[in-house]
């Protein structure tokens, strides 16, 4: 009973991994284009940009005037019992913002809009990094799965040869047991490779909105990102600088809001008894006795200090990430060159010769297994080196994104 789940998983994974593809293999450029169209993070960033643009429009709007109407001197006693002595006043009042509030609001909104614009580009760069890595991991998963299939085929062939040699009496029965054990290990490794392939396929499918259960990758080299001139900030640094600019604008807005506004009013008063009219004007100014917006000013200044610190930290992190990606790319490229050259050919040839020699009785089973394991290790190292190179390229592209 304990073997049933594993057998079912192996069967399902094998069917999905080796089944016919429902669509053409996806190249990296296709994956990047498809991901940009369906990504929720891009949609969110663009929606936030639209919101910032709306706030920028609203920030420049002046306060609305107020229309008021008053009726007094009625429903009292004596001559004021009726409306005969009533006085009616219709007035319009208009607040006038002082201290540069409107200009400060517009500066804050403009800074927040600039931040949102860079945030859209950052979301696109982050998505491109994730898709590039996922595409490379799926490619590596396909290579591992193909290698595991080759190992399994070799193990099946080895069992067949071992049975023949044991039956003719050239090798002891122990040889058959060792070959069976290698076949069991190969099947387990194939199951592991299938599972890894399915996980990598699902990850890329989610990023690009694919419903193809047999999604595969087309062989495509990731371009080497163009080097940035010295002193040119990356996206993360630009985003932190935009947040710092917005924080500085919020300080100026908080200071402006501490300046009292003036409200001027003017209207017409009508005296019902004499039917005379007169103009009424007025002005009101709040006295900044209790509230001078000191707390908001202090909070805005603290926010500005935090934004400055974040900018300094981001600048250092960006330089480190860029340098780390460059070093990792150089190391991985050298590993790929070393592992894919004459060394791989030699271990491949050694495994081929060992297989022929074993059938002819020139090599032992132990020597054949050693040669095949050396070939497997060489191929796995090459797959990992190519994956590391792709990851470093993606990281460098993300660090240099503008």
Foldseek 3Di string as FASTA:
>chain_A
DVCVVVVVLLVVLCCLQPPDWPDDAAELVNLLVLLCVDPPQLVVLVVQLVVLVVQLVVLQDFDDKDKDKDKDQACDDDPRVHCLFIKIKIKIKGWDAPLCLSVLSNQLSVLSSQLSVLSSLLSSLVLSLQLLLLQLQLQLLSLQLVLLVVQLVVLVVQLVLQVVCVVVPNDPCVSNVVSVVSNVVSSVSNSVSSVSNQVSVVSSCVSSVDPTSNHHHDDDDDDFDDDDPPPDAASLLVSLVSQLSSLVSQLSNLQSVLAWIKMKMKIKMAGNNVRDIDIDIDMDTDDPPPDSSVVSNVVSVVSSVVSVVSSVVSRVVLVVLLVVLVVLLVVLVVQLVVLPPPVLVVLVVLLVVQVVCVSVVNDDPVSNVVSVVVNSVSSSSNSVSSSSNSSSSSSNCSSHRD
